[in-house]
Amino acid sequence: MARDGTSMRAGKTGFYWDERCFWHAGGNYALTLPLGGLVQPLAAGGLPESPETKRRLRNLMEVTGITADLVMTSAPPASRADLERIHPASYLDEFKSMSDAGGGELGLRTPFAKDGYEIAALSAGLAKQALMDVMEGNVTNAYALSRPPGHHCLPDWPNGFCLMANIAIAIEAAQAAGHARRVAVIDWDVHHGNGTEHIYYDRDDVLTISIHQEKNYPLDTGDVADRGRGKGDGFNMNIPLPPGAGHVGYLEVMDRIVLPALDRFAPDVIIVACGFDAGIFDPIARMLCTAETFGEMTVRVMNAAERLCEGRLLLVHEGGYSEAYVPFCGHRVLEELSGSSHKAPDPMAATVAARQPNARFDAFISGLIGEMAAEFGG
């Protein structure tokens, strides 16, 4: 049931969120640098992964009225059984113990405060419930505003702001319930989805595709040659792009590599690891995507889902750190998912269009994409 008590079937697009996810607290950092020595605190403080990008998206949704066209709901936390399908008990026990004791840091740039374990389980629970509702036909498609994010988290080693593998936890729960045999994951977060790749590297029932800025984070993963292992050979695809790729390049990647791969794989459901840090104003990336880029990529995956899996599509929030611009990117995605007439026009549309790569650079990017498409058989 939705928060207002209406049936989930009252709307087409589910939006899964919980205020408590905004209460996840990062540690003492200046962007990604630990404080100390010559590193001074920032005025705003903390990691770039803050609640504000998500909270401001929710604020914008309320102001535009798009919430009227969404099924707004929450979800219970992922259960211990859900979590243990991905994470070993030793990791969960250590995380819970530190969380109960007031917080700490388990891996690389993954600080948390008291109740961090419960908030991370709630973040995973939003993704899980959203996927269950899509697979059971309660909603046609869905967006999970999960926080903390999850696509970097390995089973026993959190990193890159990610404490639990939200998407993988959701996939394993859906498969355990008999809802999905073949799952495709498209990760357009600007950073390589190393956690999701690691979890499914040996499997042929989950296709993982990561579009990311080359050698951003992590520095040593995400190469084109990393295609999977054993039974999973060919079911992992990395599409590293150089800094400066923008609207034209990203859409060409979708058209020439991602969509043909989905057609070959024929998934039962498509999941997008939806980061907005390839956006032009992001502080820890150097890509030039716009709100319109994210909207048009959403249209493409919606069309693929209609063609391949009866429209079953879930987007799970990952990164994106421009407090000013992420809300417009997120709203643009929701406009397409829901078909809503409530719009939030990009206030920077003219500026971001003027700052797109020139034709010569786009041609260079197109050549790289062509090489990768040939490598992948597209």
Protein backbone atom coordinates (compact mmCIF):
# COMPACT_ATOMS: atom_id res chain seq x y z
CA MET A 1 0.00 0.00 0.00
CA ALA A 2 1.09 3.58 -0.62
CA ARG A 3 1.52 6.00 2.28
CA ASP A 4 -1.96 7.47 1.73
CA GLY A 5 -3.54 4.00 1.92
CA THR A 6 -4.39 3.73 -1.78
CA SER A 7 -3.66 0.65 -3.84
CA MET A 8 -0.24 0.51 -5.49
CA ARG A 9 -2.09 -0.17 -8.74
CA ALA A 10 -3.54 3.37 -8.60
CA GLY A 11 -0.45 4.65 -10.40
CA LYS A 12 1.97 3.50 -13.03
CA THR A 13 5.31 4.68 -11.63
CA GLY A 14 6.35 3.89 -8.07
CA PHE A 15 8.65 6.25 -6.17
CA TYR A 16 10.30 4.65 -3.14
CA TRP A 17 11.89 6.90 -0.54
CA ASP A 18 12.26 7.37 3.19
CA GLU A 19 13.30 10.45 5.16
CA ARG A 20 15.55 8.31 7.34
CA CYS A 21 17.84 7.66 4.38
CA PHE A 22 18.64 11.38 4.40
CA TRP A 23 19.91 11.00 7.97
CA HIS A 24 22.87 8.82 6.96
CA ALA A 25 25.91 10.81 8.10
CA GLY A 26 29.33 10.93 6.46
CA GLY A 27 32.58 11.60 8.28
CA ASN A 28 35.16 14.34 8.47
CA TYR A 29 36.20 14.85 4.86
CA ALA A 30 36.79 17.68 2.42
CA LEU A 31 35.26 16.20 -0.73
CA THR A 32 37.09 12.84 -0.74
CA LEU A 33 40.13 13.91 1.31
CA PRO A 34 40.31 13.05 5.02
CA LEU A 35 40.75 16.14 7.17
CA GLY A 36 44.11 16.71 8.78
CA GLY A 37 47.52 18.03 7.92
CA LEU A 38 47.05 20.70 5.28
CA VAL A 39 43.50 19.64 4.32
CA GLN A 40 41.07 22.25 5.63
CA PRO A 41 37.39 21.63 6.38
CA LEU A 42 34.92 22.82 3.76
CA ALA A 43 32.23 25.32 4.67
CA ALA A 44 29.53 22.74 3.99
CA GLY A 45 31.66 19.92 5.44
CA GLY A 46 31.73 16.20 4.81
CA LEU A 47 31.83 13.98 1.77
CA PRO A 48 30.21 15.06 -1.50
CA GLU A 49 27.72 12.22 -0.87
CA SER A 50 25.35 14.29 1.25
CA PRO A 51 21.57 14.17 1.70
CA GLU A 52 21.07 17.50 -0.02
CA THR A 53 20.96 16.34 -3.64
CA LYS A 54 18.26 13.81 -2.75
CA ARG A 55 16.36 16.14 -0.43
CA ARG A 56 16.36 18.93 -3.01
CA LEU A 57 15.03 16.51 -5.64
CA ARG A 58 12.16 15.65 -3.30
CA ASN A 59 11.55 19.36 -2.67
CA LEU A 60 11.42 20.05 -6.40
CA MET A 61 8.99 17.18 -6.90
CA GLU A 62 6.63 18.66 -4.32
CA VAL A 63 6.79 22.13 -5.84
CA THR A 64 6.12 20.99 -9.41
CA GLY A 65 3.36 18.60 -8.36
CA ILE A 66 4.83 15.57 -10.13
CA THR A 67 4.15 13.56 -6.99
CA ALA A 68 0.48 13.50 -8.06
CA ASP A 69 1.51 11.27 -10.96
CA LEU A 70 3.63 8.91 -8.86
CA VAL A 71 2.84 6.24 -6.29
CA MET A 72 4.80 7.67 -3.36
CA THR A 73 5.70 4.95 -0.89
CA SER A 74 8.36 3.59 1.43
CA ALA A 75 9.46 0.04 2.22
CA PRO A 76 10.70 -2.05 5.13
CA PRO A 77 14.45 -2.53 5.55
CA ALA A 78 16.03 -5.48 3.79
CA SER A 79 15.99 -8.46 6.14
CA ARG A 80 19.08 -10.21 7.44
CA ALA A 81 18.28 -13.08 5.05
CA ASP A 82 18.13 -10.61 2.16
CA LEU A 83 21.48 -9.11 3.11
CA GLU A 84 23.21 -12.47 3.60
CA ARG A 85 22.49 -13.48 0.00
CA ILE A 86 25.24 -10.96 -0.86
CA HIS A 87 27.15 -10.02 2.28
CA PRO A 88 28.87 -12.52 4.61
CA ALA A 89 27.63 -12.68 8.19
CA SER A 90 31.04 -11.53 9.47
CA TYR A 91 30.77 -8.27 7.54
CA LEU A 92 27.20 -7.62 8.66
CA ASP A 93 28.06 -8.40 12.29
CA GLU A 94 31.01 -5.99 12.28
CA PHE A 95 28.95 -3.28 10.58
CA LYS A 96 26.09 -3.70 13.07
CA SER A 97 28.43 -3.68 16.06
CA MET A 98 30.17 -0.49 14.94
CA SER A 99 26.85 1.13 14.12
CA ASP A 100 25.43 0.32 17.56
CA ALA A 101 28.58 1.69 19.18
CA GLY A 102 28.22 5.07 17.48
CA GLY A 103 29.61 4.58 14.00
CA GLY A 104 32.96 4.45 12.28
CA GLU A 105 34.40 3.50 8.92
CA LEU A 106 34.71 -0.03 7.56
CA GLY A 107 36.26 0.46 4.13
CA LEU A 108 37.44 3.20 1.80
CA ARG A 109 35.45 6.45 2.16
CA THR A 110 32.47 4.76 3.77
CA PRO A 111 31.94 6.53 7.10
CA PHE A 112 28.70 6.14 9.00
CA ALA A 113 27.21 7.25 12.29
CA LYS A 114 25.03 5.52 14.88
CA ASP A 115 22.17 3.62 13.18
CA GLY A 116 24.18 3.53 9.96
CA TYR A 117 23.52 -0.20 9.63
CA GLU A 118 19.76 0.24 9.89
CA ILE A 119 19.77 3.10 7.39
CA ALA A 120 21.84 1.09 4.90
CA ALA A 121 19.44 -1.85 5.26
CA LEU A 122 16.55 0.55 4.63
CA SER A 123 18.27 1.87 1.51
CA ALA A 124 18.60 -1.69 0.22
CA GLY A 125 15.01 -2.38 1.23
CA LEU A 126 13.74 0.45 -0.96
CA ALA A 127 15.45 -1.10 -3.99
CA LYS A 128 14.22 -4.57 -3.09
CA GLN A 129 10.58 -3.55 -2.64
CA ALA A 130 10.61 -1.47 -5.80
CA LEU A 131 11.87 -4.45 -7.81
CA MET A 132 9.35 -6.80 -6.20
CA ASP A 133 6.49 -4.43 -7.07
CA VAL A 134 7.68 -4.11 -10.67
CA MET A 135 7.97 -7.87 -11.06
CA GLU A 136 4.58 -8.52 -9.44
CA GLY A 137 2.87 -5.94 -11.67
CA ASN A 138 1.93 -3.58 -8.85
CA VAL A 139 3.65 -0.77 -10.77
CA THR A 140 4.88 -0.65 -14.35
CA ASN A 141 8.20 0.98 -13.50
CA ALA A 142 9.79 2.45 -10.43
CA TYR A 143 12.44 4.76 -8.98
CA ALA A 144 14.13 3.96 -5.66
CA LEU A 145 15.73 6.97 -3.98
CA SER A 146 18.23 4.79 -2.13
CA ARG A 147 20.85 6.33 0.16
CA PRO A 148 23.55 5.37 0.96
CA PRO A 149 24.29 4.21 -2.59
CA GLY A 150 25.42 0.68 -3.40
CA HIS A 151 27.12 0.01 -6.72
CA HIS A 152 30.71 0.12 -5.39
CA CYS A 153 30.13 -2.18 -2.43
CA LEU A 154 31.74 -5.62 -2.58
CA PRO A 155 30.34 -8.43 -0.43
CA ASP A 156 32.90 -7.91 2.33
CA TRP A 157 34.45 -4.52 1.53
CA PRO A 158 32.49 -1.25 1.34
CA ASN A 159 33.99 1.57 -0.67
CA GLY A 160 33.14 4.73 -2.55
CA PHE A 161 30.34 5.84 -0.15
CA CYS A 162 28.61 2.43 -0.59
CA LEU A 163 27.90 0.24 2.45
CA MET A 164 25.53 -2.40 1.06
CA ALA A 165 25.05 -3.61 -2.51
CA ASN A 166 21.50 -2.31 -2.95
CA ILE A 167 20.85 -3.50 -6.51
CA ALA A 168 22.40 -6.93 -6.02
CA ILE A 169 20.40 -7.43 -2.80
CA ALA A 170 17.23 -6.58 -4.74
CA ILE A 171 18.12 -8.92 -7.62
CA GLU A 172 18.86 -11.86 -5.35
CA ALA A 173 15.60 -11.37 -3.45
CA ALA A 174 13.61 -11.25 -6.70
CA GLN A 175 15.32 -14.34 -8.05
CA ALA A 176 14.80 -16.21 -4.77
CA ALA A 177 11.09 -15.42 -5.07
CA GLY A 178 11.05 -16.79 -8.63
CA HIS A 179 10.30 -13.39 -10.14
CA ALA A 180 13.25 -12.88 -12.46
CA ARG A 181 15.53 -15.33 -14.20
CA ARG A 182 17.53 -12.92 -16.37
CA VAL A 183 18.33 -9.39 -15.20
CA ALA A 184 20.13 -6.61 -17.05
CA VAL A 185 21.85 -3.85 -15.06
CA ILE A 186 22.84 -0.63 -16.83
CA ASP A 187 25.06 1.61 -14.70
CA TRP A 188 25.33 5.18 -16.00
CA ASP A 189 26.84 6.58 -12.81
CA VAL A 190 30.07 8.31 -13.83
CA HIS A 191 32.12 5.93 -11.67
CA HIS A 192 32.67 2.30 -12.55
CA GLY A 193 30.17 -0.08 -10.97
CA ASN A 194 32.91 -2.30 -9.57
CA GLY A 195 30.78 -3.84 -6.83
CA THR A 196 28.01 -5.01 -9.12
CA GLU A 197 30.60 -6.27 -11.60
CA HIS A 198 32.40 -8.26 -8.91
CA ILE A 199 29.24 -9.90 -7.60
CA TYR A 200 28.08 -11.11 -11.03
CA TYR A 201 31.43 -11.60 -12.79
CA ASP A 202 31.04 -15.40 -12.95
CA ARG A 203 27.35 -15.50 -13.84
CA ASP A 204 25.41 -15.53 -17.09
CA ASP A 205 21.97 -14.71 -15.69
CA VAL A 206 22.81 -11.07 -14.89
CA LEU A 207 24.16 -8.80 -17.62
CA THR A 208 26.15 -5.89 -16.18
CA ILE A 209 26.91 -2.82 -18.31
CA SER A 210 28.85 0.12 -16.89
CA ILE A 211 29.24 3.45 -18.71
CA HIS A 212 31.78 5.50 -16.81
CA GLN A 213 34.54 8.08 -16.95
CA GLU A 214 37.80 6.28 -17.59
CA LYS A 215 40.17 6.11 -14.61
CA ASN A 216 38.01 8.14 -12.29
CA TYR A 217 36.96 5.74 -9.51
CA PRO A 218 38.14 3.11 -8.90
CA LEU A 219 41.38 3.77 -10.75
CA ASP A 220 42.19 0.14 -11.54
CA THR A 221 38.82 -1.29 -12.68
CA GLY A 222 36.40 -0.84 -15.55
CA ASP A 223 38.48 -1.82 -18.58
CA VAL A 224 36.84 -2.93 -21.83
CA ALA A 225 38.78 -6.20 -21.61
CA ASP A 226 37.06 -7.14 -18.34
CA ARG A 227 34.25 -9.23 -19.84
CA GLY A 228 33.44 -11.73 -17.09
CA ARG A 229 34.88 -15.11 -16.16
CA GLY A 230 33.87 -18.70 -16.77
CA LYS A 231 30.13 -18.93 -17.25
CA GLY A 232 29.99 -15.13 -17.01
CA ASP A 233 32.38 -14.51 -19.91
CA GLY A 234 30.74 -11.95 -22.18
CA PHE A 235 28.09 -10.93 -19.63
CA ASN A 236 30.07 -8.02 -18.17
CA MET A 237 30.54 -4.94 -20.33
CA ASN A 238 32.60 -1.86 -19.49
CA ILE A 239 32.33 1.29 -21.56
CA PRO A 240 35.00 3.73 -20.31
CA LEU A 241 34.77 7.19 -21.85
CA PRO A 242 37.38 9.97 -21.64
CA PRO A 243 36.66 13.13 -19.68
CA GLY A 244 34.57 15.60 -21.66
CA ALA A 245 32.09 13.17 -23.18
CA GLY A 246 28.65 14.74 -23.36
CA HIS A 247 25.12 14.44 -24.65
CA VAL A 248 25.92 13.16 -28.14
CA GLY A 249 28.49 10.64 -26.94
CA TYR A 250 26.31 9.15 -24.23
CA LEU A 251 23.35 8.70 -26.56
CA GLU A 252 25.61 7.09 -29.14
CA VAL A 253 26.81 4.63 -26.49
CA MET A 254 23.20 3.76 -25.74
CA ASP A 255 22.29 3.30 -29.40
CA ARG A 256 25.38 1.43 -30.60
CA ILE A 257 26.35 -0.68 -27.58
CA VAL A 258 23.81 -0.79 -24.74
CA LEU A 259 20.56 -1.32 -26.65
CA PRO A 260 21.97 -4.05 -28.95
CA ALA A 261 23.36 -5.82 -25.86
CA LEU A 262 19.93 -5.75 -24.23
CA ASP A 263 18.36 -7.17 -27.39
CA ARG A 264 20.85 -10.04 -27.42
CA PHE A 265 20.38 -10.79 -23.73
CA ALA A 266 16.56 -10.52 -23.62
CA PRO A 267 16.15 -9.76 -19.89
CA ASP A 268 13.10 -10.31 -17.73
CA VAL A 269 13.65 -6.87 -16.19
CA ILE A 270 16.01 -3.92 -16.69
CA ILE A 271 17.59 -2.11 -13.74
CA VAL A 272 19.47 1.17 -14.06
CA ALA A 273 22.07 2.22 -11.50
CA CYS A 274 21.05 5.85 -11.88
CA GLY A 275 23.84 8.20 -10.91
CA PHE A 276 23.75 11.83 -12.02
CA ASP A 277 27.46 12.51 -11.54
CA ALA A 278 28.10 12.46 -15.30
CA GLY A 279 26.24 15.77 -15.17
CA ILE A 280 28.12 18.82 -16.32
CA PHE A 281 28.29 20.51 -12.89
CA ASP A 282 29.39 17.53 -10.81
CA PRO A 283 32.32 18.35 -8.49
CA ILE A 284 34.06 14.94 -8.66
CA ALA A 285 33.73 14.08 -12.36
CA ARG A 286 34.50 15.72 -15.69
CA MET A 287 31.66 14.73 -18.01
CA LEU A 288 29.20 17.05 -19.82
CA CYS A 289 25.83 15.33 -19.60
CA THR A 290 22.69 17.41 -19.13
CA ALA A 291 19.24 16.87 -17.66
CA GLU A 292 18.10 16.22 -21.23
CA THR A 293 20.77 13.53 -21.62
CA PHE A 294 19.37 11.63 -18.65
CA GLY A 295 15.83 12.09 -19.93
CA GLU A 296 16.68 10.73 -23.37
CA MET A 297 18.61 7.78 -21.94
CA THR A 298 15.55 7.01 -19.83
CA VAL A 299 13.34 7.02 -22.93
CA ARG A 300 15.70 4.57 -24.60
CA VAL A 301 15.66 2.09 -21.71
CA MET A 302 11.89 2.45 -21.38
CA ASN A 303 11.49 1.56 -25.05
CA ALA A 304 13.83 -1.41 -24.61
CA ALA A 305 11.85 -2.57 -21.58
CA GLU A 306 8.59 -2.33 -23.54
CA ARG A 307 10.12 -4.33 -26.37
CA LEU A 308 11.85 -6.98 -24.27
CA CYS A 309 10.17 -7.38 -20.87
CA GLU A 310 6.68 -5.88 -20.84
CA GLY A 311 7.95 -2.51 -19.63
CA ARG A 312 9.51 -3.84 -16.42
CA LEU A 313 12.06 -1.21 -15.42
CA LEU A 314 13.61 -0.03 -12.15
CA LEU A 315 15.98 2.88 -11.59
CA VAL A 316 17.95 2.92 -8.33
CA HIS A 317 19.61 6.15 -7.24
CA GLU A 318 23.40 6.07 -6.98
CA GLY A 319 25.71 9.11 -7.15
CA GLY A 320 25.45 12.73 -8.28
CA TYR A 321 26.82 15.56 -6.17
CA SER A 322 25.79 18.91 -7.65
CA GLU A 323 23.16 20.17 -5.23
CA ALA A 324 21.96 22.71 -7.78
CA TYR A 325 21.73 20.44 -10.84
CA VAL A 326 20.91 16.90 -9.66
CA PRO A 327 17.28 17.82 -8.82
CA PHE A 328 16.62 18.82 -12.43
CA CYS A 329 18.29 15.67 -13.77
CA GLY A 330 16.25 13.48 -11.43
CA HIS A 331 13.02 15.29 -12.22
CA ARG A 332 13.65 14.90 -15.94
CA VAL A 333 13.98 11.13 -15.49
CA LEU A 334 10.75 10.98 -13.48
CA GLU A 335 8.91 12.99 -16.14
CA GLU A 336 9.72 10.28 -18.67
CA LEU A 337 9.05 7.34 -16.36
CA SER A 338 5.61 8.63 -15.39
CA GLY A 339 4.59 10.53 -18.53
CA SER A 340 3.74 13.42 -16.23
CA SER A 341 2.79 16.86 -17.53
CA HIS A 342 4.38 18.42 -14.43
CA LYS A 343 7.71 19.68 -15.72
CA ALA A 344 10.83 21.24 -14.23
CA PRO A 345 12.57 22.90 -17.19
CA ASP A 346 16.35 22.92 -16.93
CA PRO A 347 17.24 26.51 -15.92
CA MET A 348 20.73 25.99 -17.33
CA ALA A 349 19.63 24.49 -20.66
CA ALA A 350 21.15 27.22 -22.83
CA THR A 351 24.41 27.22 -20.90
CA VAL A 352 24.89 23.46 -20.88
CA ALA A 353 24.06 23.25 -24.58
CA ALA A 354 26.70 25.88 -25.34
CA ARG A 355 29.29 23.95 -23.34
CA GLN A 356 28.88 20.65 -25.18
CA PRO A 357 31.89 19.20 -27.02
CA ASN A 358 32.56 20.47 -30.52
CA ALA A 359 32.05 18.32 -33.59
CA ARG A 360 35.70 17.32 -33.73
CA PHE A 361 35.68 15.95 -30.19
CA ASP A 362 32.35 14.20 -30.73
CA ALA A 363 33.84 12.54 -33.81
CA PHE A 364 36.79 11.37 -31.69
CA ILE A 365 34.38 9.93 -29.10
CA SER A 366 32.36 8.30 -31.89
CA GLY A 367 35.51 6.54 -33.10
CA LEU A 368 36.17 5.15 -29.62
CA ILE A 369 32.57 4.00 -29.34
CA GLY A 370 32.85 2.29 -32.70
CA GLU A 371 35.93 0.39 -31.54
CA MET A 372 34.15 -0.75 -28.38
CA ALA A 373 31.00 -1.70 -30.31
CA ALA A 374 33.12 -3.92 -32.54
CA GLU A 375 34.73 -5.46 -29.46
CA PHE A 376 31.32 -6.28 -28.02
CA GLY A 377 29.94 -7.59 -31.29
CA GLY A 378 27.52 -4.70 -31.84
